[in-house]
N, C-alpha and C. Protein backbone atom coordinates (compact mmCIF):
# COMPACT_ATOMS: atom_id res chain seq x y z
N MET A 1 10.49 9.84 30.76
CA MET A 1 9.65 9.87 29.39
C MET A 1 9.31 8.65 28.56
N GLY A 2 10.39 7.94 28.72
CA GLY A 2 10.30 6.53 27.93
C GLY A 2 9.21 5.74 28.73
N GLY A 3 9.47 5.73 30.07
CA GLY A 3 8.62 4.88 30.89
C GLY A 3 7.16 5.17 30.89
N THR A 4 6.97 6.45 30.74
CA THR A 4 5.44 7.08 30.68
C THR A 4 4.95 6.45 29.35
N LEU A 5 5.79 6.66 28.18
CA LEU A 5 5.19 6.41 27.09
C LEU A 5 4.81 4.91 26.83
N ASN A 6 5.66 4.03 27.66
CA ASN A 6 5.64 2.48 27.67
C ASN A 6 4.35 2.04 28.32
N ALA A 7 4.01 2.84 29.51
CA ALA A 7 2.82 2.80 30.28
C ALA A 7 1.76 3.14 29.35
N ALA A 8 1.83 4.12 28.61
CA ALA A 8 0.50 4.75 27.77
C ALA A 8 0.38 3.60 26.70
N HIS A 9 1.63 3.19 26.35
CA HIS A 9 1.44 2.06 25.13
C HIS A 9 0.68 0.66 25.55
N ARG A 10 1.00 0.29 26.76
CA ARG A 10 0.31 -0.98 27.40
C ARG A 10 -1.12 -0.50 27.57
N LEU A 11 -1.30 0.74 28.08
CA LEU A 11 -2.92 1.08 28.35
C LEU A 11 -3.77 1.17 27.15
N ALA A 12 -2.99 1.58 26.10
CA ALA A 12 -3.99 1.71 24.74
C ALA A 12 -4.20 0.26 24.26
N LEU A 13 -3.22 -0.70 24.38
CA LEU A 13 -3.41 -2.09 23.81
C LEU A 13 -4.39 -2.74 24.54
N ARG A 14 -4.58 -2.48 25.97
CA ARG A 14 -5.62 -2.93 26.79
C ARG A 14 -6.80 -2.41 26.50
N ALA A 15 -7.00 -1.34 26.20
CA ALA A 15 -8.19 -0.58 26.18
C ALA A 15 -8.66 -0.94 24.70
N GLY A 16 -7.91 -0.87 23.72
CA GLY A 16 -8.34 -1.76 22.28
C GLY A 16 -9.23 -0.75 21.68
N PRO A 17 -9.35 -0.93 20.29
CA PRO A 17 -10.00 0.05 19.55
C PRO A 17 -11.46 0.20 19.67
N TRP A 18 -12.15 -1.21 19.99
CA TRP A 18 -13.47 -1.24 20.23
C TRP A 18 -14.08 -0.56 21.41
N ARG A 19 -13.31 -0.71 22.26
CA ARG A 19 -13.79 -0.14 23.42
C ARG A 19 -13.60 1.36 23.50
N TRP A 20 -12.75 1.76 22.70
CA TRP A 20 -12.64 3.28 22.33
C TRP A 20 -14.02 3.72 21.54
N VAL A 21 -14.36 2.93 20.54
CA VAL A 21 -15.30 3.34 19.67
C VAL A 21 -16.70 3.52 20.59
N ILE A 22 -16.79 2.39 21.49
CA ILE A 22 -18.04 2.28 22.43
C ILE A 22 -18.14 3.63 23.30
N ALA A 23 -16.96 3.66 24.06
CA ALA A 23 -16.66 4.74 24.99
C ALA A 23 -16.91 6.19 24.60
N VAL A 24 -16.35 6.52 23.47
CA VAL A 24 -16.48 7.70 22.76
C VAL A 24 -17.71 7.86 22.05
N GLY A 25 -18.19 6.97 21.42
CA GLY A 25 -19.26 7.04 20.57
C GLY A 25 -20.53 7.26 21.53
N ALA A 26 -20.35 6.68 22.78
CA ALA A 26 -21.63 6.95 23.90
C ALA A 26 -21.64 8.16 24.31
N VAL A 27 -20.46 8.96 24.70
CA VAL A 27 -20.49 10.33 25.01
C VAL A 27 -20.89 11.16 23.96
N ILE A 28 -20.44 10.90 22.73
CA ILE A 28 -20.88 11.67 21.62
C ILE A 28 -22.34 11.78 21.60
N ALA A 29 -23.06 10.57 21.88
CA ALA A 29 -24.57 10.39 21.57
C ALA A 29 -25.11 11.20 22.77
N VAL A 30 -24.61 11.18 23.93
CA VAL A 30 -25.27 11.79 24.91
C VAL A 30 -25.02 13.23 24.65
N LEU A 31 -23.88 13.81 24.33
CA LEU A 31 -23.56 15.24 24.14
C LEU A 31 -24.36 15.76 23.00
N GLY A 32 -24.88 15.01 21.96
CA GLY A 32 -25.62 15.54 20.81
C GLY A 32 -27.20 15.59 21.36
N VAL A 33 -27.59 14.74 22.10
CA VAL A 33 -28.96 14.75 22.84
C VAL A 33 -29.02 16.18 23.64
N MET A 34 -28.10 16.10 24.64
CA MET A 34 -28.06 17.39 25.59
C MET A 34 -27.93 18.67 24.56
N GLY A 35 -27.20 18.81 23.43
CA GLY A 35 -26.94 19.96 22.88
C GLY A 35 -28.28 20.32 21.92
N ILE A 36 -29.09 19.26 21.61
CA ILE A 36 -30.26 19.58 21.03
C ILE A 36 -31.19 20.00 21.93
N LEU A 37 -31.30 19.55 23.22
CA LEU A 37 -32.10 19.74 24.34
C LEU A 37 -31.97 21.24 24.80
N ARG A 38 -30.71 21.46 24.76
CA ARG A 38 -30.21 22.83 25.10
C ARG A 38 -31.06 24.01 24.24
N PHE A 39 -31.41 23.81 23.44
CA PHE A 39 -32.18 24.88 22.29
C PHE A 39 -33.47 25.14 23.19
N ALA A 40 -33.85 24.19 23.91
CA ALA A 40 -35.38 24.34 24.52
C ALA A 40 -35.24 24.68 26.02
N TYR A 41 -33.72 24.33 26.81
CA TYR A 41 -33.52 24.62 27.99
C TYR A 41 -32.13 25.47 28.06
N LYS A 42 -32.15 26.53 27.81
CA LYS A 42 -30.89 27.30 27.58
C LYS A 42 -30.31 27.55 28.69
N ASP A 43 -30.95 28.17 29.67
CA ASP A 43 -30.32 28.27 31.02
C ASP A 43 -30.02 27.19 31.85
N GLU A 44 -30.66 25.84 31.96
CA GLU A 44 -30.28 24.72 32.52
C GLU A 44 -29.26 24.02 31.94
N LEU A 45 -29.34 24.07 30.52
CA LEU A 45 -28.06 23.21 29.97
C LEU A 45 -27.05 24.02 29.16
N ARG A 46 -27.00 25.40 29.45
CA ARG A 46 -25.99 26.15 28.76
C ARG A 46 -24.47 25.61 28.73
N LEU A 47 -24.14 24.51 29.56
CA LEU A 47 -22.86 23.97 29.57
C LEU A 47 -22.97 22.88 28.43
N PHE A 48 -23.96 22.68 27.82
CA PHE A 48 -23.91 21.86 26.82
C PHE A 48 -23.91 22.37 25.57
N ASN A 49 -23.91 23.69 25.31
CA ASN A 49 -23.91 24.36 24.05
C ASN A 49 -23.05 23.88 23.30
N LEU A 50 -23.13 23.17 22.20
CA LEU A 50 -22.29 22.68 21.29
C LEU A 50 -21.94 23.76 20.23
N ASP A 51 -22.41 24.91 20.18
CA ASP A 51 -21.95 26.14 19.56
C ASP A 51 -21.00 26.93 20.37
N GLY A 52 -21.01 26.63 21.73
CA GLY A 52 -20.15 27.65 22.77
C GLY A 52 -18.66 27.01 22.96
N GLU A 53 -18.21 27.86 23.94
CA GLU A 53 -16.85 27.51 24.46
C GLU A 53 -16.74 27.36 25.96
N ARG A 54 -15.62 26.78 26.04
CA ARG A 54 -15.34 26.78 27.76
C ARG A 54 -16.48 25.66 28.19
N ASN A 55 -17.06 24.83 27.76
CA ASN A 55 -18.03 23.86 28.35
C ASN A 55 -17.83 22.62 28.20
N VAL A 56 -18.61 21.72 28.53
CA VAL A 56 -18.86 20.33 28.39
C VAL A 56 -18.34 19.80 26.72
N PRO A 57 -19.11 20.01 25.74
CA PRO A 57 -18.45 19.43 24.60
C PRO A 57 -16.90 19.91 24.29
N THR A 58 -16.50 21.12 24.43
CA THR A 58 -15.29 21.53 24.10
C THR A 58 -14.23 20.99 24.70
N THR A 59 -14.70 20.76 26.03
CA THR A 59 -13.56 19.86 26.96
C THR A 59 -13.61 18.43 26.72
N PHE A 60 -14.54 18.05 26.34
CA PHE A 60 -14.53 16.40 25.77
C PHE A 60 -13.86 16.48 24.44
N THR A 61 -14.03 17.17 23.62
CA THR A 61 -13.39 17.35 22.21
C THR A 61 -11.82 17.46 22.44
N ALA A 62 -11.55 18.53 23.08
CA ALA A 62 -10.06 18.51 23.66
C ALA A 62 -9.48 17.23 24.21
N LEU A 63 -9.93 16.70 25.00
CA LEU A 63 -9.59 15.35 25.58
C LEU A 63 -9.45 14.37 24.66
N VAL A 64 -10.48 14.28 23.71
CA VAL A 64 -10.09 13.17 22.61
C VAL A 64 -9.07 13.44 21.78
N TRP A 65 -8.78 14.84 21.31
CA TRP A 65 -7.82 15.20 20.40
C TRP A 65 -6.41 15.07 21.30
N LEU A 66 -6.39 15.16 22.67
CA LEU A 66 -5.10 14.95 23.58
C LEU A 66 -5.00 13.49 23.39
N VAL A 67 -6.04 12.44 23.59
CA VAL A 67 -5.72 11.25 23.59
C VAL A 67 -5.16 10.90 22.25
N ILE A 68 -5.54 11.31 21.15
CA ILE A 68 -5.32 11.02 19.67
C ILE A 68 -3.85 11.57 19.70
N SER A 69 -3.23 12.76 20.31
CA SER A 69 -1.90 13.18 19.94
C SER A 69 -1.06 12.03 20.76
N VAL A 70 -1.43 11.50 21.94
CA VAL A 70 -0.49 10.38 22.49
C VAL A 70 -0.61 9.23 21.47
N LEU A 71 -1.61 8.86 21.03
CA LEU A 71 -1.72 7.64 20.16
C LEU A 71 -0.82 8.03 18.93
N ALA A 72 -1.05 9.11 18.48
CA ALA A 72 -0.02 9.42 17.09
C ALA A 72 1.46 9.23 17.65
N LEU A 73 1.78 9.62 18.61
CA LEU A 73 3.29 9.84 19.09
C LEU A 73 3.43 8.18 19.41
N LEU A 74 2.81 7.36 19.99
CA LEU A 74 2.89 5.85 20.12
C LEU A 74 3.23 5.28 18.78
N VAL A 75 2.26 5.50 17.77
CA VAL A 75 2.28 4.94 16.57
C VAL A 75 3.69 5.38 15.72
N GLY A 76 4.22 6.45 16.18
CA GLY A 76 5.23 7.07 15.37
C GLY A 76 6.62 6.22 16.20
N ARG A 77 6.53 5.86 17.43
CA ARG A 77 7.58 5.30 18.14
C ARG A 77 7.64 3.78 17.61
N ALA A 78 6.56 3.11 17.20
CA ALA A 78 6.68 1.90 16.77
C ALA A 78 6.78 1.81 15.01
N SER A 79 6.83 2.80 14.44
CA SER A 79 7.09 2.94 13.10
C SER A 79 8.55 3.35 12.76
N GLU A 80 8.98 2.96 11.71
CA GLU A 80 10.22 3.43 11.34
C GLU A 80 10.39 4.20 10.07
N GLY A 81 11.59 5.01 9.99
CA GLY A 81 11.76 5.86 8.70
C GLY A 81 10.81 7.09 8.89
N ARG A 82 10.56 7.83 7.47
CA ARG A 82 9.83 8.84 7.31
C ARG A 82 8.57 8.77 7.85
N PRO A 83 7.68 7.48 8.00
CA PRO A 83 6.23 7.44 8.59
C PRO A 83 6.42 7.99 10.18
N ALA A 84 7.71 7.71 10.91
CA ALA A 84 7.63 7.85 12.27
C ALA A 84 7.63 9.46 12.40
N ILE A 85 8.53 10.11 11.55
CA ILE A 85 8.37 11.44 11.37
C ILE A 85 7.08 12.32 11.30
N ALA A 86 6.48 11.68 10.33
CA ALA A 86 4.86 12.19 9.92
C ALA A 86 3.85 11.96 11.04
N TRP A 87 4.31 10.95 11.89
CA TRP A 87 3.21 10.79 12.81
C TRP A 87 3.40 11.76 14.13
N LYS A 88 4.94 11.91 14.22
CA LYS A 88 4.92 13.26 15.26
C LYS A 88 4.58 14.41 14.77
N VAL A 89 4.66 14.66 13.58
CA VAL A 89 4.11 15.98 13.02
C VAL A 89 2.71 15.92 13.48
N LEU A 90 1.78 14.88 12.98
CA LEU A 90 0.41 14.79 13.44
C LEU A 90 0.40 14.93 14.89
N THR A 91 1.35 14.30 15.75
CA THR A 91 1.15 14.61 17.15
C THR A 91 1.20 16.40 17.54
N ALA A 92 2.10 17.08 16.89
CA ALA A 92 2.14 18.37 16.99
C ALA A 92 0.78 19.08 16.50
N LEU A 93 0.46 18.78 15.58
CA LEU A 93 -0.82 19.41 14.90
C LEU A 93 -2.18 18.96 15.98
N THR A 94 -2.33 17.88 16.56
CA THR A 94 -3.02 17.58 17.33
C THR A 94 -3.17 18.45 18.58
N LEU A 95 -2.05 18.70 18.98
CA LEU A 95 -1.77 19.29 20.32
C LEU A 95 -2.22 20.91 20.02
N VAL A 96 -2.11 21.23 18.90
CA VAL A 96 -2.62 22.42 18.25
C VAL A 96 -3.99 22.64 18.66
N LEU A 97 -4.64 21.56 17.95
CA LEU A 97 -6.20 21.57 18.18
C LEU A 97 -6.79 21.57 19.71
N VAL A 98 -5.94 20.76 20.33
CA VAL A 98 -6.39 20.94 21.93
C VAL A 98 -6.19 22.27 22.33
N ALA A 99 -5.15 22.86 22.06
CA ALA A 99 -4.82 24.37 22.63
C ALA A 99 -6.08 25.09 22.07
N ASP A 100 -6.34 24.89 20.77
CA ASP A 100 -7.39 25.81 20.26
C ASP A 100 -8.74 25.67 20.92
N GLU A 101 -9.03 24.44 21.14
CA GLU A 101 -10.38 24.07 21.85
C GLU A 101 -10.55 24.47 23.43
N LEU A 102 -9.31 24.58 24.06
CA LEU A 102 -9.38 24.99 25.56
C LEU A 102 -9.22 26.49 25.44
N ALA A 103 -8.27 26.99 24.52
CA ALA A 103 -7.98 28.58 24.67
C ALA A 103 -8.70 29.27 23.69
N GLU A 104 -9.60 28.75 22.87
CA GLU A 104 -10.08 29.65 21.84
C GLU A 104 -9.14 30.29 20.86
N LEU A 105 -8.09 29.97 20.55
CA LEU A 105 -7.00 30.53 20.01
C LEU A 105 -7.40 31.23 18.43
N HIS A 106 -8.25 30.51 17.77
CA HIS A 106 -8.51 31.04 16.35
C HIS A 106 -9.50 32.26 16.76
N GLU A 107 -10.26 32.12 17.60
CA GLU A 107 -11.21 33.32 17.87
C GLU A 107 -10.27 34.70 18.14
N HIS A 108 -9.18 34.36 18.96
CA HIS A 108 -8.52 35.44 19.44
C HIS A 108 -7.48 36.07 18.38
N LEU A 109 -6.94 35.28 17.55
CA LEU A 109 -6.40 35.50 16.47
C LEU A 109 -7.23 36.36 15.33
N GLN A 110 -8.25 35.75 15.02
CA GLN A 110 -9.26 36.42 14.27
C GLN A 110 -9.51 37.85 14.80
N PHE A 111 -9.85 38.06 15.92
CA PHE A 111 -10.30 39.21 16.61
C PHE A 111 -9.18 40.28 16.46
N HIS A 112 -7.99 39.96 16.90
CA HIS A 112 -6.87 40.90 16.94
C HIS A 112 -6.20 41.20 15.54
N ALA A 113 -6.45 40.06 14.77
CA ALA A 113 -5.61 40.41 13.30
C ALA A 113 -6.64 40.84 12.49
N GLY A 114 -7.96 40.70 12.67
CA GLY A 114 -8.81 41.19 11.71
C GLY A 114 -9.21 40.39 10.53
N ILE A 115 -8.49 39.21 10.66
CA ILE A 115 -8.47 38.44 9.38
C ILE A 115 -9.41 37.20 9.89
N ASP A 116 -10.28 36.51 8.77
CA ASP A 116 -10.91 35.31 8.95
C ASP A 116 -9.92 34.42 9.57
N TRP A 117 -10.23 33.71 10.65
CA TRP A 117 -9.03 32.47 11.06
C TRP A 117 -8.94 31.39 9.92
N GLN A 118 -9.99 31.25 9.04
CA GLN A 118 -9.53 30.26 8.12
C GLN A 118 -8.26 30.44 7.23
N ILE A 119 -8.28 32.17 7.06
CA ILE A 119 -7.11 32.30 6.01
C ILE A 119 -5.81 32.30 7.05
N LEU A 120 -5.92 32.59 8.34
CA LEU A 120 -4.71 32.40 9.23
C LEU A 120 -4.11 31.20 9.24
N TYR A 121 -5.26 30.07 9.40
CA TYR A 121 -4.90 29.03 9.69
C TYR A 121 -4.67 27.94 8.57
N ALA A 122 -4.61 28.79 7.18
CA ALA A 122 -4.34 28.01 5.89
C ALA A 122 -2.98 27.20 5.65
N PRO A 123 -2.09 27.88 6.57
CA PRO A 123 -0.74 27.11 6.41
C PRO A 123 -0.73 25.79 6.99
N ILE A 124 -1.31 25.78 8.15
CA ILE A 124 -1.75 24.61 8.96
C ILE A 124 -2.57 23.60 8.19
N GLY A 125 -3.35 24.20 7.36
CA GLY A 125 -4.33 23.25 6.60
C GLY A 125 -3.58 22.42 5.62
N VAL A 126 -2.69 23.52 4.82
CA VAL A 126 -1.94 22.79 3.96
C VAL A 126 -0.96 21.61 4.43
N VAL A 127 -0.53 21.87 5.41
CA VAL A 127 0.44 20.91 6.11
C VAL A 127 -0.41 19.67 6.75
N ALA A 128 -1.78 19.97 6.91
CA ALA A 128 -2.65 18.69 7.28
C ALA A 128 -2.97 17.80 5.97
N VAL A 129 -3.12 18.54 5.08
CA VAL A 129 -3.55 17.82 3.64
C VAL A 129 -2.31 16.78 3.37
N VAL A 130 -1.27 17.48 3.06
CA VAL A 130 0.04 16.79 2.87
C VAL A 130 0.25 15.75 3.69
N LEU A 131 0.31 15.87 4.86
CA LEU A 131 0.49 15.02 6.20
C LEU A 131 -0.58 13.54 6.08
N TRP A 132 -2.05 14.05 5.72
CA TRP A 132 -2.91 12.99 5.65
C TRP A 132 -2.96 12.21 4.13
N PHE A 133 -2.20 12.65 3.12
CA PHE A 133 -1.82 11.82 2.14
C PHE A 133 -0.62 10.76 2.54
N VAL A 134 0.20 11.32 3.10
CA VAL A 134 1.38 10.55 3.48
C VAL A 134 1.04 9.46 4.52
N LEU A 135 0.39 9.78 5.33
CA LEU A 135 -0.29 8.85 6.45
C LEU A 135 -1.14 7.81 6.03
N ALA A 136 -2.03 8.18 5.03
CA ALA A 136 -3.21 7.31 4.51
C ALA A 136 -2.41 6.26 3.54
N ARG A 137 -1.42 6.89 2.83
CA ARG A 137 -0.46 5.59 2.05
C ARG A 137 0.08 4.65 2.90
N TYR A 138 0.65 5.05 4.22
CA TYR A 138 1.18 4.11 5.12
C TYR A 138 0.20 3.06 5.78
N LEU A 139 -0.85 3.84 6.10
CA LEU A 139 -1.89 2.66 6.74
C LEU A 139 -2.43 1.93 5.54
N ARG A 140 -2.44 2.43 4.29
CA ARG A 140 -3.02 1.36 3.21
C ARG A 140 -1.92 0.37 3.18
N GLN A 141 -0.80 0.74 3.25
CA GLN A 141 0.44 -0.34 3.03
C GLN A 141 0.38 -1.21 4.40
N LEU A 142 0.24 -0.59 5.37
CA LEU A 142 0.14 -1.33 6.61
C LEU A 142 -0.93 -2.70 6.81
N GLY A 143 -2.08 -1.95 5.95
CA GLY A 143 -3.11 -2.87 5.81
C GLY A 143 -4.38 -2.88 6.94
N VAL A 144 -4.11 -1.77 8.02
CA VAL A 144 -5.13 -1.68 8.87
C VAL A 144 -5.28 0.10 8.96
N GLY A 145 -6.25 0.24 9.49
CA GLY A 145 -6.67 1.58 9.99
C GLY A 145 -6.98 2.67 8.72
N PHE A 146 -6.96 2.06 7.38
CA PHE A 146 -6.97 3.16 6.47
C PHE A 146 -8.70 3.67 6.20
N PRO A 147 -9.57 2.58 6.41
CA PRO A 147 -11.18 3.05 6.18
C PRO A 147 -11.27 4.24 7.42
N PRO A 148 -11.03 3.82 8.63
CA PRO A 148 -11.74 5.08 9.66
C PRO A 148 -10.80 6.19 9.55
N PHE A 149 -9.56 6.14 9.02
CA PHE A 149 -8.61 7.35 8.63
C PHE A 149 -9.27 8.31 7.54
N VAL A 150 -9.67 7.68 6.41
CA VAL A 150 -10.44 8.09 5.37
C VAL A 150 -11.84 8.99 6.07
N GLY A 151 -12.59 8.07 6.99
CA GLY A 151 -13.88 8.48 7.36
C GLY A 151 -13.92 9.58 8.20
N ALA A 152 -12.71 9.64 9.09
CA ALA A 152 -12.32 10.91 9.56
C ALA A 152 -12.03 12.20 8.88
N ALA A 153 -11.37 12.22 7.75
CA ALA A 153 -11.40 13.08 6.74
C ALA A 153 -12.48 13.59 6.27
N ALA A 154 -13.53 12.59 5.89
CA ALA A 154 -14.55 13.06 5.10
C ALA A 154 -15.71 13.71 6.35
N CYS A 155 -15.56 13.35 7.35
CA CYS A 155 -16.35 14.01 8.61
C CYS A 155 -15.62 15.51 8.81
N VAL A 156 -14.55 15.61 8.79
CA VAL A 156 -14.06 17.10 8.90
C VAL A 156 -14.44 17.89 7.57
N CYS A 157 -14.40 17.30 6.37
CA CYS A 157 -14.83 18.31 5.15
C CYS A 157 -16.01 18.65 5.48
N VAL A 158 -16.91 17.81 5.57
CA VAL A 158 -18.44 18.08 5.64
C VAL A 158 -18.89 18.79 6.83
N ALA A 159 -17.92 18.87 7.92
CA ALA A 159 -18.24 19.86 9.25
C ALA A 159 -17.93 21.16 8.52
N GLU A 160 -16.75 21.30 7.75
CA GLU A 160 -16.41 22.66 7.44
C GLU A 160 -17.46 23.16 6.35
N VAL A 161 -17.98 22.45 5.61
CA VAL A 161 -19.29 22.82 4.62
C VAL A 161 -20.17 23.49 5.44
N PHE A 162 -20.45 22.60 6.56
CA PHE A 162 -21.80 23.10 7.50
C PHE A 162 -21.24 24.25 7.85
N GLU A 163 -20.12 24.49 8.42
CA GLU A 163 -19.56 25.72 9.29
C GLU A 163 -19.71 27.05 8.24
N ALA A 164 -19.36 26.76 7.14
CA ALA A 164 -19.26 27.79 6.02
C ALA A 164 -20.87 28.20 5.83
N LEU A 165 -21.66 27.42 5.67
CA LEU A 165 -23.15 27.78 5.47
C LEU A 165 -23.99 28.10 6.67
N GLU A 166 -23.62 27.97 7.87
CA GLU A 166 -24.20 28.44 9.10
C GLU A 166 -24.49 30.05 9.04
N ILE A 167 -23.69 30.83 8.71
CA ILE A 167 -23.71 32.07 8.62
C ILE A 167 -23.68 32.93 7.47
N ASN A 168 -24.51 33.49 7.23
CA ASN A 168 -24.34 34.50 5.73
C ASN A 168 -23.45 35.70 5.82
N SER A 169 -23.28 36.24 4.63
CA SER A 169 -22.26 37.23 4.67
C SER A 169 -22.39 38.42 5.51
N HIS A 170 -23.69 38.56 5.87
CA HIS A 170 -23.88 39.67 6.99
C HIS A 170 -23.65 39.38 8.64
N GLY A 171 -23.32 38.01 8.61
CA GLY A 171 -23.00 37.47 10.11
C GLY A 171 -24.23 37.10 10.76
N ASP A 172 -25.26 36.85 10.08
CA ASP A 172 -26.67 36.26 10.56
C ASP A 172 -26.73 34.90 10.28
N PRO A 173 -27.29 34.26 11.13
CA PRO A 173 -27.47 32.78 11.06
C PRO A 173 -28.47 32.55 9.83
N ARG A 174 -28.27 31.45 9.03
CA ARG A 174 -29.02 31.17 7.84
C ARG A 174 -30.19 30.08 8.47
N ARG A 175 -31.03 29.93 7.56
CA ARG A 175 -32.07 29.05 7.82
C ARG A 175 -31.72 27.71 7.96
N GLY A 176 -31.94 26.92 9.21
CA GLY A 176 -31.42 25.55 9.34
C GLY A 176 -30.09 25.56 10.10
N PHE A 177 -29.85 26.83 10.76
CA PHE A 177 -28.66 27.11 11.47
C PHE A 177 -28.32 26.15 12.62
N ARG A 178 -29.57 25.61 13.35
CA ARG A 178 -29.40 24.83 14.47
C ARG A 178 -29.00 23.47 14.03
N VAL A 179 -29.76 22.99 13.03
CA VAL A 179 -29.21 21.90 12.44
C VAL A 179 -27.83 21.56 12.05
N MET A 180 -27.53 22.70 11.39
CA MET A 180 -25.84 22.73 10.90
C MET A 180 -25.12 22.83 11.72
N VAL A 181 -25.34 23.46 13.00
CA VAL A 181 -24.36 23.44 14.12
C VAL A 181 -24.31 22.11 14.75
N VAL A 182 -25.40 21.49 15.05
CA VAL A 182 -25.34 20.31 15.83
C VAL A 182 -24.43 19.29 14.87
N SER A 183 -24.71 19.28 13.65
CA SER A 183 -24.35 18.49 12.62
C SER A 183 -22.79 18.53 12.49
N GLU A 184 -22.16 19.78 12.54
CA GLU A 184 -20.84 20.25 12.62
C GLU A 184 -20.26 19.75 13.75
N GLU A 185 -20.66 19.97 15.00
CA GLU A 185 -20.00 19.75 15.91
C GLU A 185 -19.90 18.17 16.17
N LEU A 186 -21.07 17.71 15.99
CA LEU A 186 -20.92 15.98 16.14
C LEU A 186 -20.24 15.26 15.00
N LEU A 187 -20.15 16.06 14.04
CA LEU A 187 -18.96 15.42 12.92
C LEU A 187 -17.36 15.48 13.17
N GLU A 188 -17.49 16.67 13.89
CA GLU A 188 -16.15 16.96 14.40
C GLU A 188 -15.65 15.86 15.51
N MET A 189 -16.48 15.63 16.26
CA MET A 189 -16.16 14.51 17.43
C MET A 189 -16.30 13.32 16.83
N THR A 190 -16.95 12.91 15.91
CA THR A 190 -16.97 11.52 15.13
C THR A 190 -15.44 11.69 14.41
N ALA A 191 -15.09 12.72 13.80
CA ALA A 191 -13.87 12.65 13.12
C ALA A 191 -12.81 12.07 14.24
N GLY A 192 -12.83 12.63 15.50
CA GLY A 192 -11.69 12.33 16.55
C GLY A 192 -12.01 10.72 16.88
N LEU A 193 -13.10 10.11 17.14
CA LEU A 193 -13.54 8.78 17.19
C LEU A 193 -12.89 8.02 16.11
N LEU A 194 -13.33 8.40 14.90
CA LEU A 194 -12.69 7.52 13.96
C LEU A 194 -11.02 7.58 13.83
N LEU A 195 -10.40 8.65 13.94
CA LEU A 195 -8.93 8.93 13.77
C LEU A 195 -8.27 8.03 15.00
N GLY A 196 -9.18 8.03 16.05
CA GLY A 196 -8.39 7.47 17.42
C GLY A 196 -8.61 5.88 17.19
N LEU A 197 -9.60 5.57 16.39
CA LEU A 197 -9.58 4.03 15.87
C LEU A 197 -8.72 3.75 14.88
N SER A 198 -8.51 4.50 14.02
CA SER A 198 -7.42 4.15 13.08
C SER A 198 -6.08 3.95 13.84
N LEU A 199 -5.82 4.89 14.57
CA LEU A 199 -4.43 4.88 15.28
C LEU A 199 -4.31 3.73 16.24
N LEU A 200 -5.47 3.12 16.87
CA LEU A 200 -5.37 2.08 17.94
C LEU A 200 -5.28 0.64 17.06
N LEU A 201 -5.79 1.06 16.04
CA LEU A 201 -5.72 -0.32 15.06
C LEU A 201 -4.32 -0.50 14.68
N ALA A 202 -3.60 0.54 14.06
CA ALA A 202 -2.32 0.68 13.54
C ALA A 202 -1.41 0.24 14.70
N LEU A 203 -1.66 0.75 16.05
CA LEU A 203 -0.55 0.37 16.85
C LEU A 203 -0.53 -0.99 17.31
N ARG A 204 -1.95 -1.56 17.30
CA ARG A 204 -2.15 -3.02 17.64
C ARG A 204 -1.48 -3.95 16.60
N ALA A 205 -1.31 -3.47 15.48
CA ALA A 205 -0.96 -4.22 14.29
C ALA A 205 0.90 -4.11 14.44
N LEU A 206 1.14 -2.57 14.50
CA LEU A 206 2.46 -2.68 14.44
C LEU A 206 3.17 -3.35 15.83
N THR A 207 2.63 -3.39 16.72
CA THR A 207 3.15 -4.07 18.24
C THR A 207 3.16 -5.39 17.88
N SER A 208 2.05 -6.07 17.25
CA SER A 208 2.17 -7.66 16.99
C SER A 208 3.42 -7.85 15.94
N ARG A 209 3.80 -7.17 15.17
CA ARG A 209 4.63 -7.26 14.11
C ARG A 209 6.04 -7.19 14.86
N THR A 210 6.36 -6.48 15.82
CA THR A 210 7.56 -6.24 16.35
C THR A 210 7.88 -7.11 17.70
N ALA A 211 6.64 -7.75 18.08
CA ALA A 211 6.72 -8.62 19.34
C ALA A 211 7.57 -9.72 19.23
N PRO A 212 7.46 -10.54 18.03
CA PRO A 212 8.41 -11.74 18.05
C PRO A 212 9.93 -11.26 18.11
N ALA A 213 10.11 -10.19 17.37
CA ALA A 213 11.58 -9.76 17.04
C ALA A 213 12.12 -9.27 18.70
N ALA A 214 11.38 -8.72 19.46
CA ALA A 214 11.61 -8.21 20.80
C ALA A 214 11.94 -9.52 21.79
N ALA A 215 11.00 -10.70 21.37
CA ALA A 215 11.25 -11.65 22.34
C ALA A 215 12.47 -12.49 22.03
């Protein structure tokens, strides 16, 4: 396990934060264009439905969050004390997001429980908020990764607002539904991009600080 994580650490440092931004940003842009075109070519581009499940956008989003979970674990290994534990908790939360994207967990829970998934996920949301403040404080003290970390949270908050506004109380799409759906999904992907950037910056800074001691 240690050898695998060491290899992942080296790969993350070699890839670097800006290659991550360019690569993930380019895919997000392509998925955004394809998602918009799908409204005109529903059958031909059904695998690019931004509001769908088990398709290209959801697979990509799950992959991004899987990478983030590994990065959070690597940053935790390079940290000390309570922050190390907090990063491991973030790893666990992001793995839940991966499972949710791939297995539609919140949809199944909502269907079987008869309760809105937002209510069912409220405890996880509380943990996520507390964790965000803890890690944001750590990144601010570290001196790197704080701005994109805040940007990721802002993207998630705006995306949640769009999701709440998309459907009315009768379950029907509101006016501007398509714009809100596209915006919501792209904001969620952008949140992953920014969070990954934050983690890569933190990992590089922590590695450079410990390298002289290791030598």
